[in-house]
Amino acid sequence: MRPGRDALNMQKRVVLTIVVLILLPFASADIDIPDESREVSGGHAILLEQYTATWCDTCATIDPWISDFVDDRSNRVVRVALHPNDEDPFGTPLTSKRLVLKESDHQLSLPTFWFDGQEEVEGHVSQSTLESRLRNAEANRENSISMHMVWNTWGNEPHDSVHELTIVIEEDMPSNASITVFRLETLEMDSQIIAYNGIDIHHDVATQMITFNGNGTISESFDGAHGWNIRSINQTNSESSLVLTLETYGNIDGFVTEIEVDGSVRGVIGITDEVNPRNVEKDSSLTLILLVGALVTSGIIVSRRE
């Protein structure tokens, strides 16, 4: 016996309601999806810190090729450019802090390079010299601590873009460990600046830095122009010992995370705006089409049952 009209109408309403409830989350799920997302895993890279300046003539002969040197060895080394906190327009207090950690017993020349805080080399260096120091640092590195970084970006016109960086430390952290995060930017010289060596564009400039101890407590922070917002610090993830989520704003070229234990570098990872970009499509019309299609299909199914 076929069901009556009221029963059939009820069946239709039930089916349509179920379909709408199933698809509704997809219709609203893109609200918090970033405009761009990047991620990288690692920890084995060597940290190359370069002490350089916009007024340094020797630096002007090296800066044009140092970025290519790093890019050609992208799985082995990441670079952080430190400008002196004096008349250099790109200098910040974080440079002074990093120089103190080197415990140098002499007046540093410009440029000076360090690999994992050691293997110091100064002056007019060659690529072969830097390659030799890089290999020494790789040989001297103890077992590296693995990390994973995810960098999400949201447009925020007419305001600065919003950046969320999540760092997952994949091993137990000793209590005497420290985790340092650098924000890197490409900066351009202003025509009114007098201290000038002829280089207009400066890459990998450290403009912010924050340091945590092994349990995630902030021990030091250099906020720069945009500052850091700590979104979360999680030590309960069963697959990792520590998850840090930070937020900042503006134009950013990348981030570098370094882990030290007893003053020795045990892990380094970098992420740039060109690493594994995934442009996220947020097309509400596509969602609507899928929703309407599902409703039509369900109506056909019910009609056939009649």
C-alpha atoms as a PDB file:
ATOM      1  CA  MET A   1       0.000   0.000   0.000  1.00  0.00           C
ATOM      2  CA  ARG A   2       1.422   3.354  -1.080  1.00  0.00           C
ATOM      3  CA  PRO A   3       1.704   6.039   1.561  1.00  0.00           C
ATOM      4  CA  GLY A   4      -0.699   8.963   1.528  1.00  0.00           C
ATOM      5  CA  ARG A   5       0.143  12.478   0.324  1.00  0.00           C
ATOM      6  CA  ASP A   6       0.725  13.809   3.827  1.00  0.00           C
ATOM      7  CA  ALA A   7       3.129  10.971   4.556  1.00  0.00           C
ATOM      8  CA  LEU A   8       5.011  11.623   1.306  1.00  0.00           C
ATOM      9  CA  ASN A   9       5.288  15.324   2.076  1.00  0.00           C
ATOM     10  CA  MET A  10       6.626  14.473   5.498  1.00  0.00           C
ATOM     11  CA  GLN A  11       9.228  12.177   3.926  1.00  0.00           C
ATOM     12  CA  LYS A  12      10.315  14.983   1.610  1.00  0.00           C
ATOM     13  CA  ARG A  13      10.691  17.432   4.458  1.00  0.00           C
ATOM     14  CA  VAL A  14      12.685  14.938   6.499  1.00  0.00           C
ATOM     15  CA  VAL A  15      15.044  14.160   3.607  1.00  0.00           C
ATOM     16  CA  LEU A  16      15.545  17.839   2.772  1.00  0.00           C
ATOM     17  CA  THR A  17      16.163  18.703   6.417  1.00  0.00           C
ATOM     18  CA  ILE A  18      18.767  15.969   6.733  1.00  0.00           C
ATOM     19  CA  VAL A  19      20.568  17.138   3.572  1.00  0.00           C
ATOM     20  CA  VAL A  20      20.588  20.766   4.747  1.00  0.00           C
ATOM     21  CA  LEU A  21      21.932  19.775   8.157  1.00  0.00           C
ATOM     22  CA  ILE A  22      24.673  17.724   6.533  1.00  0.00           C
ATOM     23  CA  LEU A  23      25.775  20.512   4.160  1.00  0.00           C
ATOM     24  CA  LEU A  24      25.340  23.476   6.509  1.00  0.00           C
ATOM     25  CA  PRO A  25      28.765  23.051   8.160  1.00  0.00           C
ATOM     26  CA  PHE A  26      30.406  23.132   4.712  1.00  0.00           C
ATOM     27  CA  ALA A  27      28.557  26.320   3.846  1.00  0.00           C
ATOM     28  CA  SER A  28      30.017  28.127   6.859  1.00  0.00           C
ATOM     29  CA  ALA A  29      33.296  26.256   7.317  1.00  0.00           C
ATOM     30  CA  ASP A  30      35.352  28.696   5.221  1.00  0.00           C
ATOM     31  CA  ILE A  31      34.864  31.630   7.599  1.00  0.00           C
ATOM     32  CA  ASP A  32      38.147  30.956   9.443  1.00  0.00           C
ATOM     33  CA  ILE A  33      40.085  29.460   6.531  1.00  0.00           C
ATOM     34  CA  PRO A  34      43.258  31.503   5.893  1.00  0.00           C
ATOM     35  CA  ASP A  35      43.916  33.160   2.559  1.00  0.00           C
ATOM     36  CA  GLU A  36      47.252  31.376   2.437  1.00  0.00           C
ATOM     37  CA  SER A  37      48.782  28.550   4.428  1.00  0.00           C
ATOM     38  CA  ARG A  38      52.308  27.151   4.460  1.00  0.00           C
ATOM     39  CA  GLU A  39      53.941  24.359   6.414  1.00  0.00           C
ATOM     40  CA  VAL A  40      57.331  22.754   6.774  1.00  0.00           C
ATOM     41  CA  SER A  41      58.952  20.045   8.890  1.00  0.00           C
ATOM     42  CA  GLY A  42      62.582  19.712   9.868  1.00  0.00           C
ATOM     43  CA  GLY A  43      65.049  20.826  12.487  1.00  0.00           C
ATOM     44  CA  HIS A  44      68.322  19.758  10.883  1.00  0.00           C
ATOM     45  CA  ALA A  45      69.202  23.083   9.246  1.00  0.00           C
ATOM     46  CA  ILE A  46      72.150  25.177  10.454  1.00  0.00           C
ATOM     47  CA  LEU A  47      71.475  28.739  11.629  1.00  0.00           C
ATOM     48  CA  LEU A  48      73.564  31.277   9.715  1.00  0.00           C
ATOM     49  CA  GLU A  49      73.571  34.640  11.486  1.00  0.00           C
ATOM     50  CA  GLN A  50      75.089  37.506   9.544  1.00  0.00           C
ATOM     51  CA  TYR A  51      76.095  40.712  11.298  1.00  0.00           C
ATOM     52  CA  THR A  52      75.792  43.306   8.550  1.00  0.00           C
ATOM     53  CA  ALA A  53      75.010  46.995   8.096  1.00  0.00           C
ATOM     54  CA  THR A  54      73.577  49.378   5.534  1.00  0.00           C
ATOM     55  CA  TRP A  55      76.711  51.545   5.762  1.00  0.00           C
ATOM     56  CA  CYS A  56      79.243  48.689   5.508  1.00  0.00           C
ATOM     57  CA  ASP A  57      81.160  48.741   2.181  1.00  0.00           C
ATOM     58  CA  THR A  58      82.489  45.212   2.597  1.00  0.00           C
ATOM     59  CA  CYS A  59      78.946  43.992   3.271  1.00  0.00           C
ATOM     60  CA  ALA A  60      77.885  45.544  -0.035  1.00  0.00           C
ATOM     61  CA  THR A  61      80.174  43.136  -1.899  1.00  0.00           C
ATOM     62  CA  ILE A  62      78.752  40.084  -0.087  1.00  0.00           C
ATOM     63  CA  ASP A  63      75.026  40.815   0.297  1.00  0.00           C
ATOM     64  CA  PRO A  64      74.321  40.482  -3.458  1.00  0.00           C
ATOM     65  CA  TRP A  65      75.287  36.771  -3.403  1.00  0.00           C
ATOM     66  CA  ILE A  66      74.638  35.646   0.158  1.00  0.00           C
ATOM     67  CA  SER A  67      70.924  35.082  -0.486  1.00  0.00           C
ATOM     68  CA  ASP A  68      71.763  32.809  -3.438  1.00  0.00           C
ATOM     69  CA  PHE A  69      74.286  30.966  -1.258  1.00  0.00           C
ATOM     70  CA  VAL A  70      71.528  30.198   1.239  1.00  0.00           C
ATOM     71  CA  ASP A  71      68.881  29.404  -1.374  1.00  0.00           C
ATOM     72  CA  ASP A  72      71.184  26.913  -3.095  1.00  0.00           C
ATOM     73  CA  ARG A  73      71.533  25.103   0.254  1.00  0.00           C
ATOM     74  CA  SER A  74      67.954  25.562   1.411  1.00  0.00           C
ATOM     75  CA  ASN A  75      67.705  22.200   3.172  1.00  0.00           C
ATOM     76  CA  ARG A  76      70.953  22.802   5.062  1.00  0.00           C
ATOM     77  CA  VAL A  77      70.991  26.411   6.241  1.00  0.00           C
ATOM     78  CA  VAL A  78      68.708  29.346   7.104  1.00  0.00           C
ATOM     79  CA  ARG A  79      69.888  32.937   7.378  1.00  0.00           C
ATOM     80  CA  VAL A  80      69.112  35.705   9.872  1.00  0.00           C
ATOM     81  CA  ALA A  81      70.521  39.171   9.136  1.00  0.00           C
ATOM     82  CA  LEU A  82      71.366  41.231  12.228  1.00  0.00           C
ATOM     83  CA  HIS A  83      71.816  44.981  11.775  1.00  0.00           C
ATOM     84  CA  PRO A  84      73.585  47.028  14.473  1.00  0.00           C
ATOM     85  CA  ASN A  85      71.363  49.071  16.743  1.00  0.00           C
ATOM     86  CA  ASP A  86      73.037  52.394  15.987  1.00  0.00           C
ATOM     87  CA  GLU A  87      72.648  54.648  12.953  1.00  0.00           C
ATOM     88  CA  ASP A  88      71.602  51.662  10.873  1.00  0.00           C
ATOM     89  CA  PRO A  89      67.871  52.168  10.132  1.00  0.00           C
ATOM     90  CA  PHE A  90      67.236  48.414  10.294  1.00  0.00           C
ATOM     91  CA  GLY A  91      68.947  47.831  13.627  1.00  0.00           C
ATOM     92  CA  THR A  92      66.985  46.667  16.677  1.00  0.00           C
ATOM     93  CA  PRO A  93      67.838  45.798  20.292  1.00  0.00           C
ATOM     94  CA  LEU A  94      67.591  42.102  19.455  1.00  0.00           C
ATOM     95  CA  THR A  95      70.900  42.429  17.562  1.00  0.00           C
ATOM     96  CA  SER A  96      72.663  43.544  20.736  1.00  0.00           C
ATOM     97  CA  LYS A  97      71.215  40.561  22.573  1.00  0.00           C
ATOM     98  CA  ARG A  98      72.384  38.101  19.929  1.00  0.00           C
ATOM     99  CA  LEU A  99      75.888  39.598  19.881  1.00  0.00           C
ATOM    100  CA  VAL A 100      76.185  39.232  23.662  1.00  0.00           C
ATOM    101  CA  LEU A 101      75.418  35.525  23.308  1.00  0.00           C
ATOM    102  CA  LYS A 102      78.435  35.097  21.014  1.00  0.00           C
ATOM    103  CA  GLU A 103      80.770  35.943  23.917  1.00  0.00           C
ATOM    104  CA  SER A 104      83.309  37.392  21.509  1.00  0.00           C
ATOM    105  CA  ASP A 105      86.591  38.490  23.096  1.00  0.00           C
ATOM    106  CA  HIS A 106      87.309  41.164  20.470  1.00  0.00           C
ATOM    107  CA  GLN A 107      85.652  43.995  18.605  1.00  0.00           C
ATOM    108  CA  LEU A 108      83.532  42.460  15.875  1.00  0.00           C
ATOM    109  CA  SER A 109      84.101  43.438  12.286  1.00  0.00           C
ATOM    110  CA  LEU A 110      81.408  43.941   9.692  1.00  0.00           C
ATOM    111  CA  PRO A 111      80.375  41.607   8.271  1.00  0.00           C
ATOM    112  CA  THR A 112      80.682  38.696  10.698  1.00  0.00           C
ATOM    113  CA  PHE A 113      79.108  35.278  10.250  1.00  0.00           C
ATOM    114  CA  TRP A 114      78.237  32.535  12.719  1.00  0.00           C
ATOM    115  CA  PHE A 115      77.022  29.009  12.029  1.00  0.00           C
ATOM    116  CA  ASP A 116      74.977  27.685  14.965  1.00  0.00           C
ATOM    117  CA  GLY A 117      76.525  30.431  17.071  1.00  0.00           C
ATOM    118  CA  GLN A 118      80.037  29.110  16.400  1.00  0.00           C
ATOM    119  CA  GLU A 119      82.395  28.897  13.414  1.00  0.00           C
ATOM    120  CA  GLU A 120      82.865  32.664  13.464  1.00  0.00           C
ATOM    121  CA  VAL A 121      84.310  34.227  10.310  1.00  0.00           C
ATOM    122  CA  GLU A 122      84.768  37.942   9.611  1.00  0.00           C
ATOM    123  CA  GLY A 123      85.408  40.321   6.773  1.00  0.00           C
ATOM    124  CA  HIS A 124      85.508  39.770   3.042  1.00  0.00           C
ATOM    125  CA  VAL A 125      84.668  36.069   2.988  1.00  0.00           C
ATOM    126  CA  SER A 126      84.277  33.771  -0.004  1.00  0.00           C
ATOM    127  CA  GLN A 127      81.562  31.251  -0.714  1.00  0.00           C
ATOM    128  CA  SER A 128      84.078  28.427  -0.284  1.00  0.00           C
ATOM    129  CA  THR A 129      84.935  29.694   3.205  1.00  0.00           C
ATOM    130  CA  LEU A 130      81.283  29.807   4.210  1.00  0.00           C
ATOM    131  CA  GLU A 131      80.716  26.340   2.753  1.00  0.00           C
ATOM    132  CA  SER A 132      83.628  25.001   4.821  1.00  0.00           C
ATOM    133  CA  ARG A 133      82.247  26.549   8.024  1.00  0.00           C
ATOM    134  CA  LEU A 134      78.800  25.207   7.222  1.00  0.00           C
ATOM    135  CA  ARG A 135      80.159  21.672   6.894  1.00  0.00           C
ATOM    136  CA  ASN A 136      82.010  22.020  10.205  1.00  0.00           C
ATOM    137  CA  ALA A 137      78.793  23.117  11.902  1.00  0.00           C
ATOM    138  CA  GLU A 138      76.935  20.154  10.423  1.00  0.00           C
ATOM    139  CA  ALA A 139      79.598  17.785  11.694  1.00  0.00           C
ATOM    140  CA  ASN A 140      79.523  19.312  15.186  1.00  0.00           C
ATOM    141  CA  ARG A 141      75.722  19.331  15.555  1.00  0.00           C
ATOM    142  CA  GLU A 142      74.407  16.765  18.017  1.00  0.00           C
ATOM    143  CA  ASN A 143      71.194  14.924  17.257  1.00  0.00           C
ATOM    144  CA  SER A 144      68.745  17.521  16.004  1.00  0.00           C
ATOM    145  CA  ILE A 145      65.365  18.128  17.636  1.00  0.00           C
ATOM    146  CA  SER A 146      62.527  17.782  15.132  1.00  0.00           C
ATOM    147  CA  MET A 147      59.957  20.541  14.620  1.00  0.00           C
ATOM    148  CA  HIS A 148      56.962  21.355  12.463  1.00  0.00           C
ATOM    149  CA  MET A 149      55.762  24.863  11.579  1.00  0.00           C
ATOM    150  CA  VAL A 150      52.478  26.049  10.080  1.00  0.00           C
ATOM    151  CA  TRP A 151      52.113  29.671   8.951  1.00  0.00           C
ATOM    152  CA  ASN A 152      48.622  30.961   8.122  1.00  0.00           C
ATOM    153  CA  THR A 153      47.851  34.406   6.711  1.00  0.00           C
ATOM    154  CA  TRP A 154      44.582  36.337   6.565  1.00  0.00           C
ATOM    155  CA  GLY A 155      44.102  39.520   4.541  1.00  0.00           C
ATOM    156  CA  ASN A 156      42.787  42.382   6.650  1.00  0.00           C
ATOM    157  CA  GLU A 157      42.314  45.337   4.284  1.00  0.00           C
ATOM    158  CA  PRO A 158      42.759  48.198   4.831  1.00  0.00           C
ATOM    159  CA  HIS A 159      44.735  47.092   7.892  1.00  0.00           C
ATOM    160  CA  ASP A 160      47.849  44.919   8.149  1.00  0.00           C
ATOM    161  CA  SER A 161      47.616  41.240   7.284  1.00  0.00           C
ATOM    162  CA  VAL A 162      47.229  38.827  10.202  1.00  0.00           C
ATOM    163  CA  HIS A 163      49.787  36.025  10.573  1.00  0.00           C
ATOM    164  CA  GLU A 164      49.438  32.981  12.793  1.00  0.00           C
ATOM    165  CA  LEU A 165      52.508  30.805  13.365  1.00  0.00           C
ATOM    166  CA  THR A 166      52.189  27.416  15.046  1.00  0.00           C
ATOM    167  CA  ILE A 167      55.370  25.627  16.150  1.00  0.00           C
ATOM    168  CA  VAL A 168      55.197  21.985  17.128  1.00  0.00           C
ATOM    169  CA  ILE A 169      58.211  20.631  19.017  1.00  0.00           C
ATOM    170  CA  GLU A 170      58.143  16.905  18.370  1.00  0.00           C
ATOM    171  CA  GLU A 171      60.409  15.765  21.208  1.00  0.00           C
ATOM    172  CA  ASP A 172      60.573  16.213  24.968  1.00  0.00           C
ATOM    173  CA  MET A 173      62.237  19.495  25.854  1.00  0.00           C
ATOM    174  CA  PRO A 174      64.850  19.604  28.635  1.00  0.00           C
ATOM    175  CA  SER A 175      64.204  22.168  31.348  1.00  0.00           C
ATOM    176  CA  ASN A 176      67.370  24.047  30.342  1.00  0.00           C
ATOM    177  CA  ALA A 177      66.277  24.364  26.706  1.00  0.00           C
ATOM    178  CA  SER A 178      65.336  27.614  25.003  1.00  0.00           C
ATOM    179  CA  ILE A 179      63.219  28.207  21.906  1.00  0.00           C
ATOM    180  CA  THR A 180      63.821  31.397  19.921  1.00  0.00           C
ATOM    181  CA  VAL A 181      61.599  32.607  17.079  1.00  0.00           C
ATOM    182  CA  PHE A 182      62.777  35.278  14.624  1.00  0.00           C
ATOM    183  CA  ARG A 183      60.522  37.284  12.323  1.00  0.00           C
ATOM    184  CA  LEU A 184      62.264  38.086   9.022  1.00  0.00           C
ATOM    185  CA  GLU A 185      61.487  40.859   6.574  1.00  0.00           C
ATOM    186  CA  THR A 186      62.831  42.308   3.345  1.00  0.00           C
ATOM    187  CA  LEU A 187      63.466  46.006   3.936  1.00  0.00           C
ATOM    188  CA  GLU A 188      64.160  48.774   1.440  1.00  0.00           C
ATOM    189  CA  MET A 189      66.364  51.792   1.979  1.00  0.00           C
ATOM    190  CA  ASP A 190      64.776  55.222   2.189  1.00  0.00           C
ATOM    191  CA  SER A 191      66.283  57.864  -0.094  1.00  0.00           C
ATOM    192  CA  GLN A 192      66.651  60.206   2.878  1.00  0.00           C
ATOM    193  CA  ILE A 193      68.931  57.834   4.788  1.00  0.00           C
ATOM    194  CA  ILE A 194      72.565  58.953   4.730  1.00  0.00           C
ATOM    195  CA  ALA A 195      74.194  55.751   6.036  1.00  0.00           C
ATOM    196  CA  TYR A 196      74.136  53.953   2.728  1.00  0.00           C
ATOM    197  CA  ASN A 197      76.474  51.462   1.014  1.00  0.00           C
ATOM    198  CA  GLY A 198      74.659  51.256  -2.317  1.00  0.00           C
ATOM    199  CA  ILE A 199      72.480  48.239  -1.497  1.00  0.00           C
ATOM    200  CA  ASP A 200      68.798  49.211  -1.719  1.00  0.00           C
ATOM    201  CA  ILE A 201      67.118  45.932  -0.716  1.00  0.00           C
ATOM    202  CA  HIS A 202      68.115  43.985   2.403  1.00  0.00           C
ATOM    203  CA  HIS A 203      66.793  40.448   2.864  1.00  0.00           C
ATOM    204  CA  ASP A 204      66.196  38.236   5.909  1.00  0.00           C
ATOM    205  CA  VAL A 205      66.386  41.157   8.344  1.00  0.00           C
ATOM    206  CA  ALA A 206      65.431  40.146  11.894  1.00  0.00           C
ATOM    207  CA  THR A 207      62.802  42.635  13.058  1.00  0.00           C
ATOM    208  CA  GLN A 208      61.251  40.715  15.984  1.00  0.00           C
ATOM    209  CA  MET A 209      62.399  37.961  18.332  1.00  0.00           C
ATOM    210  CA  ILE A 210      60.830  36.024  21.183  1.00  0.00           C
ATOM    211  CA  THR A 211      62.388  33.370  23.409  1.00  0.00           C
ATOM    212  CA  PHE A 212      60.679  30.672  25.492  1.00  0.00           C
ATOM    213  CA  ASN A 213      62.156  28.250  27.989  1.00  0.00           C
ATOM    214  CA  GLY A 214      61.630  24.505  27.770  1.00  0.00           C
ATOM    215  CA  ASN A 215      58.147  24.580  29.286  1.00  0.00           C
ATOM    216  CA  GLY A 216      56.889  27.439  27.121  1.00  0.00           C
ATOM    217  CA  THR A 217      57.354  30.370  29.513  1.00  0.00           C
ATOM    218  CA  ILE A 218      58.469  33.574  27.794  1.00  0.00           C
ATOM    219  CA  SER A 219      61.949  34.559  28.924  1.00  0.00           C
ATOM    220  CA  GLU A 220      62.567  37.468  26.540  1.00  0.00           C
ATOM    221  CA  SER A 221      60.710  39.344  23.807  1.00  0.00           C
ATOM    222  CA  PHE A 222      61.640  42.001  21.286  1.00  0.00           C
ATOM    223  CA  ASP A 223      58.368  43.173  19.785  1.00  0.00           C
ATOM    224  CA  GLY A 224      59.486  45.444  16.952  1.00  0.00           C
ATOM    225  CA  ALA A 225      56.761  47.493  15.266  1.00  0.00           C
ATOM    226  CA  HIS A 226      54.010  44.857  15.398  1.00  0.00           C
ATOM    227  CA  GLY A 227      54.546  42.810  18.550  1.00  0.00           C
ATOM    228  CA  TRP A 228      53.602  39.231  19.387  1.00  0.00           C
ATOM    229  CA  ASN A 229      50.263  37.874  20.560  1.00  0.00           C
ATOM    230  CA  ILE A 230      50.521  34.510  22.290  1.00  0.00           C
ATOM    231  CA  ARG A 231      47.500  32.555  21.098  1.00  0.00           C
ATOM    232  CA  SER A 232      48.239  29.328  22.979  1.00  0.00           C
ATOM    233  CA  ILE A 233      50.943  27.286  24.698  1.00  0.00           C
ATOM    234  CA  ASN A 234      50.053  23.616  24.875  1.00  0.00           C
ATOM    235  CA  GLN A 235      52.041  20.884  26.620  1.00  0.00           C
ATOM    236  CA  THR A 236      49.357  18.213  26.648  1.00  0.00           C
ATOM    237  CA  ASN A 237      49.483  17.120  22.996  1.00  0.00           C
ATOM    238  CA  SER A 238      50.193  13.385  23.050  1.00  0.00           C
ATOM    239  CA  GLU A 239      52.239  13.542  19.839  1.00  0.00           C
ATOM    240  CA  SER A 240      54.540  16.380  20.876  1.00  0.00           C
ATOM    241  CA  SER A 241      56.060  17.957  23.940  1.00  0.00           C
ATOM    242  CA  LEU A 242      55.178  21.580  23.169  1.00  0.00           C
ATOM    243  CA  VAL A 243      52.900  23.472  20.775  1.00  0.00           C
ATOM    244  CA  LEU A 244      53.272  27.263  20.511  1.00  0.00           C
ATOM    245  CA  THR A 245      50.888  29.465  18.533  1.00  0.00           C
ATOM    246  CA  LEU A 246      51.881  33.102  17.952  1.00  0.00           C
ATOM    247  CA  GLU A 247      50.209  35.938  16.096  1.00  0.00           C
ATOM    248  CA  THR A 248      51.666  39.061  14.516  1.00  0.00           C
ATOM    249  CA  TYR A 249      50.892  41.476  11.687  1.00  0.00           C
ATOM    250  CA  GLY A 250      52.244  43.283   8.641  1.00  0.00           C
ATOM    251  CA  ASN A 251      54.509  42.225   5.778  1.00  0.00           C
ATOM    252  CA  ILE A 252      56.605  39.164   6.567  1.00  0.00           C
ATOM    253  CA  ASP A 253      59.031  37.120   4.462  1.00  0.00           C
ATOM    254  CA  GLY A 254      59.474  34.274   6.911  1.00  0.00           C
ATOM    255  CA  PHE A 255      60.147  32.921  10.379  1.00  0.00           C
ATOM    256  CA  VAL A 256      63.044  30.965  11.862  1.00  0.00           C
ATOM    257  CA  THR A 257      62.841  28.847  15.002  1.00  0.00           C
ATOM    258  CA  GLU A 258      65.971  27.811  16.903  1.00  0.00           C
ATOM    259  CA  ILE A 259      66.267  25.408  19.845  1.00  0.00           C
ATOM    260  CA  GLU A 260      69.268  25.562  22.168  1.00  0.00           C
ATOM    261  CA  VAL A 261      70.174  23.213  25.001  1.00  0.00           C
ATOM    262  CA  ASP A 262      72.964  24.252  27.369  1.00  0.00           C
ATOM    263  CA  GLY A 263      73.923  26.964  24.905  1.00  0.00           C
ATOM    264  CA  SER A 264      74.349  24.523  22.003  1.00  0.00           C
ATOM    265  CA  VAL A 265      72.052  24.689  19.004  1.00  0.00           C
ATOM    266  CA  ARG A 266      70.031  21.474  18.733  1.00  0.00           C
ATOM    267  CA  GLY A 267      67.427  22.364  16.126  1.00  0.00           C
ATOM    268  CA  VAL A 268      66.735  25.006  13.470  1.00  0.00           C
ATOM    269  CA  ILE A 269      63.880  25.328  11.007  1.00  0.00           C
ATOM    270  CA  GLY A 270      62.866  28.141   8.680  1.00  0.00           C
ATOM    271  CA  ILE A 271      59.691  28.890   6.764  1.00  0.00           C
ATOM    272  CA  THR A 272      59.259  31.487   4.015  1.00  0.00           C
ATOM    273  CA  ASP A 273      56.352  32.873   2.059  1.00  0.00           C
ATOM    274  CA  GLU A 274      57.414  30.654  -0.850  1.00  0.00           C
ATOM    275  CA  VAL A 275      57.417  27.363   1.071  1.00  0.00           C
ATOM    276  CA  ASN A 276      54.584  24.986   0.160  1.00  0.00           C
ATOM    277  CA  PRO A 277      52.067  27.777  -0.542  1.00  0.00           C
ATOM    278  CA  ARG A 278      48.479  26.593  -0.621  1.00  0.00           C
ATOM    279  CA  ASN A 279      46.102  29.312  -1.806  1.00  0.00           C
ATOM    280  CA  VAL A 280      42.797  28.457  -0.203  1.00  0.00           C
ATOM    281  CA  GLU A 281      39.689  28.920  -2.346  1.00  0.00           C
ATOM    282  CA  LYS A 282      36.753  30.383  -0.429  1.00  0.00           C
ATOM    283  CA  ASP A 283      33.997  30.379  -3.044  1.00  0.00           C
ATOM    284  CA  SER A 284      30.587  30.713  -1.434  1.00  0.00           C
ATOM    285  CA  SER A 285      28.882  30.292  -4.832  1.00  0.00           C
ATOM    286  CA  LEU A 286      30.365  26.806  -5.130  1.00  0.00           C
ATOM    287  CA  THR A 287      28.975  25.931  -1.739  1.00  0.00           C
ATOM    288  CA  LEU A 288      25.556  27.211  -2.782  1.00  0.00           C
ATOM    289  CA  ILE A 289      25.647  25.166  -5.993  1.00  0.00           C
ATOM    290  CA  LEU A 290      26.492  22.018  -4.036  1.00  0.00           C
ATOM    291  CA  LEU A 291      23.687  22.719  -1.593  1.00  0.00           C
ATOM    292  CA  VAL A 292      21.084  23.311  -4.322  1.00  0.00           C
ATOM    293  CA  GLY A 293      22.280  20.246  -6.218  1.00  0.00           C
ATOM    294  CA  ALA A 294      21.874  18.074  -3.162  1.00  0.00           C
ATOM    295  CA  LEU A 295      18.372  19.432  -2.544  1.00  0.00           C
ATOM    296  CA  VAL A 296      17.323  18.763  -6.149  1.00  0.00           C
ATOM    297  CA  THR A 297      18.761  15.270  -6.044  1.00  0.00           C
ATOM    298  CA  SER A 298      16.937  14.460  -2.834  1.00  0.00           C
ATOM    299  CA  GLY A 299      13.665  15.762  -4.347  1.00  0.00           C
ATOM    300  CA  ILE A 300      14.096  13.489  -7.370  1.00  0.00           C
ATOM    301  CA  ILE A 301      14.688  10.511  -5.126  1.00  0.00           C
ATOM    302  CA  VAL A 302      11.516  11.189  -3.162  1.00  0.00           C
ATOM    303  CA  SER A 303       9.484  11.796  -6.342  1.00  0.00           C
ATOM    304  CA  ARG A 304      10.546   8.481  -7.778  1.00  0.00           C
ATOM    305  CA  ARG A 305       9.303   6.787  -4.637  1.00  0.00           C
ATOM    306  CA  GLU A 306       5.888   8.249  -5.375  1.00  0.00           C
END
